[in-house]
N, C-alpha and C. Protein backbone atom coordinates (compact mmCIF):
# COMPACT_ATOMS: atom_id res chain seq x y z
N MET A 1 65.26 43.68 -89.76
CA MET A 1 64.37 44.59 -89.02
C MET A 1 62.89 43.45 -89.18
N GLU A 2 62.53 43.32 -88.12
CA GLU A 2 60.95 42.61 -88.40
C GLU A 2 59.85 43.61 -88.15
N LEU A 3 58.98 43.32 -89.29
CA LEU A 3 57.64 43.92 -89.65
C LEU A 3 56.70 43.33 -88.98
N VAL A 4 55.33 44.10 -88.64
CA VAL A 4 54.32 43.34 -88.25
C VAL A 4 53.43 43.89 -89.41
N GLY A 5 52.38 42.64 -89.87
CA GLY A 5 51.14 43.20 -90.80
C GLY A 5 49.85 42.37 -90.67
N ARG A 6 49.23 42.62 -91.34
CA ARG A 6 47.71 41.69 -91.08
C ARG A 6 47.65 41.15 -92.67
N VAL A 7 47.31 39.43 -92.61
CA VAL A 7 47.33 39.37 -93.81
C VAL A 7 45.79 39.94 -94.71
N LEU A 8 46.06 40.32 -95.99
CA LEU A 8 45.18 40.35 -96.44
C LEU A 8 44.11 39.50 -97.23
N TRP A 9 44.77 38.63 -97.83
CA TRP A 9 44.29 37.52 -98.46
C TRP A 9 45.42 36.07 -98.37
N TRP A 10 44.83 35.16 -98.48
CA TRP A 10 45.38 33.96 -98.28
C TRP A 10 44.72 32.87 -99.23
N SER A 11 45.57 32.31 -100.24
CA SER A 11 44.53 31.20 -100.88
C SER A 11 45.36 29.85 -100.38
N GLU A 12 44.68 28.96 -99.81
CA GLU A 12 44.84 27.69 -99.63
C GLU A 12 45.21 26.92 -100.77
N ARG A 13 44.61 27.01 -101.86
CA ARG A 13 44.80 26.14 -102.98
C ARG A 13 46.20 26.29 -103.78
N ASP A 14 46.41 27.95 -104.04
CA ASP A 14 47.72 28.32 -104.53
C ASP A 14 48.97 28.46 -103.70
N GLU A 15 48.65 28.50 -102.19
CA GLU A 15 49.39 28.71 -101.45
C GLU A 15 50.51 29.55 -101.48
N ASN A 16 49.61 30.96 -101.51
CA ASN A 16 50.23 32.52 -101.63
C ASN A 16 49.31 33.59 -100.96
N GLY A 17 49.69 34.52 -101.06
CA GLY A 17 48.77 35.39 -100.49
C GLY A 17 49.43 37.10 -100.29
N ILE A 18 48.85 37.82 -99.62
CA ILE A 18 49.33 39.10 -99.52
C ILE A 18 49.27 39.70 -97.78
N ILE A 19 50.24 40.23 -96.97
CA ILE A 19 50.31 40.92 -96.40
C ILE A 19 50.41 42.51 -96.30
N VAL A 20 49.46 43.18 -95.50
CA VAL A 20 49.85 44.58 -95.75
C VAL A 20 50.17 45.21 -94.25
N ASP A 21 50.74 46.21 -94.15
CA ASP A 21 51.66 46.80 -93.25
C ASP A 21 50.63 47.85 -92.67
N PRO A 22 50.76 48.43 -91.56
CA PRO A 22 50.13 49.56 -90.89
C PRO A 22 50.25 50.90 -91.92
N ALA A 23 51.19 51.13 -92.89
CA ALA A 23 51.30 51.82 -93.79
C ALA A 23 50.78 51.73 -94.93
N GLY A 24 49.90 50.66 -95.16
CA GLY A 24 49.34 50.31 -96.59
C GLY A 24 49.93 49.44 -97.30
N ASN A 25 51.52 49.27 -97.02
CA ASN A 25 52.16 48.59 -98.14
C ASN A 25 52.01 47.12 -98.05
N GLU A 26 52.06 46.51 -99.30
CA GLU A 26 51.51 45.19 -99.53
C GLU A 26 52.75 44.45 -99.97
N PHE A 27 52.94 42.85 -99.34
CA PHE A 27 53.78 42.27 -99.26
C PHE A 27 53.55 40.83 -100.04
N TYR A 28 53.95 40.14 -101.00
CA TYR A 28 53.64 39.05 -101.66
C TYR A 28 54.13 38.08 -100.73
N PHE A 29 53.68 37.08 -100.29
CA PHE A 29 54.32 35.86 -99.55
C PHE A 29 53.57 34.50 -100.12
N ASP A 30 54.48 33.40 -100.14
CA ASP A 30 54.08 32.01 -100.41
C ASP A 30 54.16 31.17 -99.41
N ARG A 31 54.03 30.13 -99.28
CA ARG A 31 54.39 28.65 -98.21
C ARG A 31 55.63 28.68 -97.98
N SER A 32 56.80 28.74 -98.99
CA SER A 32 57.87 28.79 -98.58
C SER A 32 58.57 29.40 -97.69
N VAL A 33 57.89 30.61 -97.08
CA VAL A 33 58.45 31.53 -96.27
C VAL A 33 57.72 31.58 -95.03
N LEU A 34 56.61 30.61 -94.73
CA LEU A 34 56.10 30.38 -93.58
C LEU A 34 56.84 29.72 -92.42
N LYS A 35 56.79 30.04 -91.31
CA LYS A 35 57.47 29.53 -90.06
C LYS A 35 56.26 29.29 -89.16
N LEU A 36 55.69 28.20 -89.38
CA LEU A 36 54.43 28.03 -88.56
C LEU A 36 54.66 26.62 -87.70
N LYS A 37 54.25 26.75 -86.36
CA LYS A 37 54.12 25.71 -85.33
C LYS A 37 53.03 24.68 -85.86
N LYS A 38 53.66 23.66 -85.18
CA LYS A 38 52.51 22.29 -85.46
C LYS A 38 51.12 22.82 -85.10
N ASN A 39 50.35 22.56 -86.09
CA ASN A 39 49.07 23.07 -85.76
C ASN A 39 48.21 24.50 -85.85
N GLN A 40 49.47 25.04 -86.52
CA GLN A 40 48.89 26.83 -86.66
C GLN A 40 48.76 26.85 -88.24
N ILE A 41 47.73 27.96 -88.46
CA ILE A 41 47.36 27.73 -89.97
C ILE A 41 46.96 29.35 -89.90
N ILE A 42 47.70 29.64 -91.37
CA ILE A 42 47.59 30.93 -91.53
C ILE A 42 46.12 31.17 -92.40
N SER A 43 45.59 32.29 -92.28
CA SER A 43 44.30 32.68 -92.52
C SER A 43 44.19 34.14 -92.71
N ARG A 44 43.26 34.71 -93.66
CA ARG A 44 42.83 36.15 -93.97
C ARG A 44 42.54 36.91 -92.23
N ARG A 45 43.37 37.91 -92.11
CA ARG A 45 42.93 38.84 -91.12
C ARG A 45 44.02 38.26 -89.92
N SER A 46 44.95 37.17 -90.31
CA SER A 46 45.93 36.87 -89.27
C SER A 46 46.86 38.13 -89.26
N ILE A 47 47.25 38.08 -88.02
CA ILE A 47 48.12 39.07 -87.38
C ILE A 47 49.62 38.27 -87.95
N VAL A 48 50.63 38.97 -88.34
CA VAL A 48 51.88 38.12 -88.63
C VAL A 48 53.40 39.20 -88.30
N ASN A 49 54.18 38.54 -88.10
CA ASN A 49 55.42 39.04 -87.96
C ASN A 49 56.23 38.44 -89.26
N PHE A 50 57.10 39.60 -89.81
CA PHE A 50 57.91 39.18 -91.18
C PHE A 50 59.15 39.91 -91.42
N SER A 51 59.71 39.77 -92.21
CA SER A 51 60.89 40.38 -92.87
C SER A 51 60.54 40.85 -94.26
N LEU A 52 61.19 41.96 -94.86
CA LEU A 52 61.45 41.78 -96.09
C LEU A 52 62.32 41.31 -96.77
N ASN A 53 62.08 40.49 -97.94
CA ASN A 53 62.87 39.85 -98.50
C ASN A 53 63.51 40.79 -99.52
N ARG A 54 64.80 41.11 -99.04
CA ARG A 54 65.83 42.00 -100.01
C ARG A 54 66.45 41.36 -101.37
N SER A 55 66.15 40.24 -101.51
CA SER A 55 66.73 39.31 -102.58
C SER A 55 65.86 39.66 -103.91
N ILE A 56 64.52 39.86 -103.49
CA ILE A 56 64.10 40.22 -104.44
C ILE A 56 63.76 41.73 -104.91
N LYS A 57 63.87 42.23 -106.13
CA LYS A 57 63.95 43.45 -106.25
C LYS A 57 62.56 44.05 -107.12
N ASP A 58 61.94 43.36 -107.76
CA ASP A 58 60.53 43.80 -108.89
C ASP A 58 59.49 43.90 -107.88
N CYS A 59 59.33 43.72 -106.68
CA CYS A 59 58.05 44.02 -106.08
C CYS A 59 58.70 43.82 -104.55
N LEU A 60 57.64 43.98 -103.46
CA LEU A 60 57.63 44.15 -101.95
C LEU A 60 57.50 42.23 -101.86
N CYS A 61 58.40 41.83 -101.23
CA CYS A 61 58.29 40.14 -100.89
C CYS A 61 58.43 40.07 -99.37
N ALA A 62 57.59 39.30 -98.73
CA ALA A 62 58.06 39.03 -97.39
C ALA A 62 58.51 37.86 -97.10
N CYS A 63 59.17 37.54 -96.17
CA CYS A 63 59.78 36.29 -95.90
C CYS A 63 60.45 36.22 -94.31
N ASN A 64 60.42 35.07 -93.82
CA ASN A 64 60.36 34.67 -92.38
C ASN A 64 58.63 35.14 -91.64
N VAL A 65 58.08 34.60 -92.53
CA VAL A 65 56.45 35.02 -91.94
C VAL A 65 56.04 33.80 -90.85
N SER A 66 55.66 34.75 -89.79
CA SER A 66 55.26 33.59 -88.72
C SER A 66 53.97 34.67 -87.71
N LEU A 67 53.23 33.68 -87.37
CA LEU A 67 52.04 34.47 -86.79
C LEU A 67 52.54 35.11 -85.56
N SER A 68 51.77 36.17 -85.26
CA SER A 68 52.30 37.21 -84.08
C SER A 68 51.75 36.28 -82.75
N THR A 69 52.53 36.52 -81.50
CA THR A 69 52.19 36.04 -80.50
C THR A 69 51.54 36.81 -79.64
């Protein structure tokens, strides 16, 4: 199931960040799960589509993160 959220913060240096969904849940993500097209950049307040990474049990993590069109 695809979810929609907003990038709460993104660290270009560390290449990781947090997405917040409309219910206030926070999802960790890093550069390895980004699906960006050429010349796209991720930044604070970007609206993104993502999936819940079910292979990580200890925290909410996003995967397949892409900019919302």
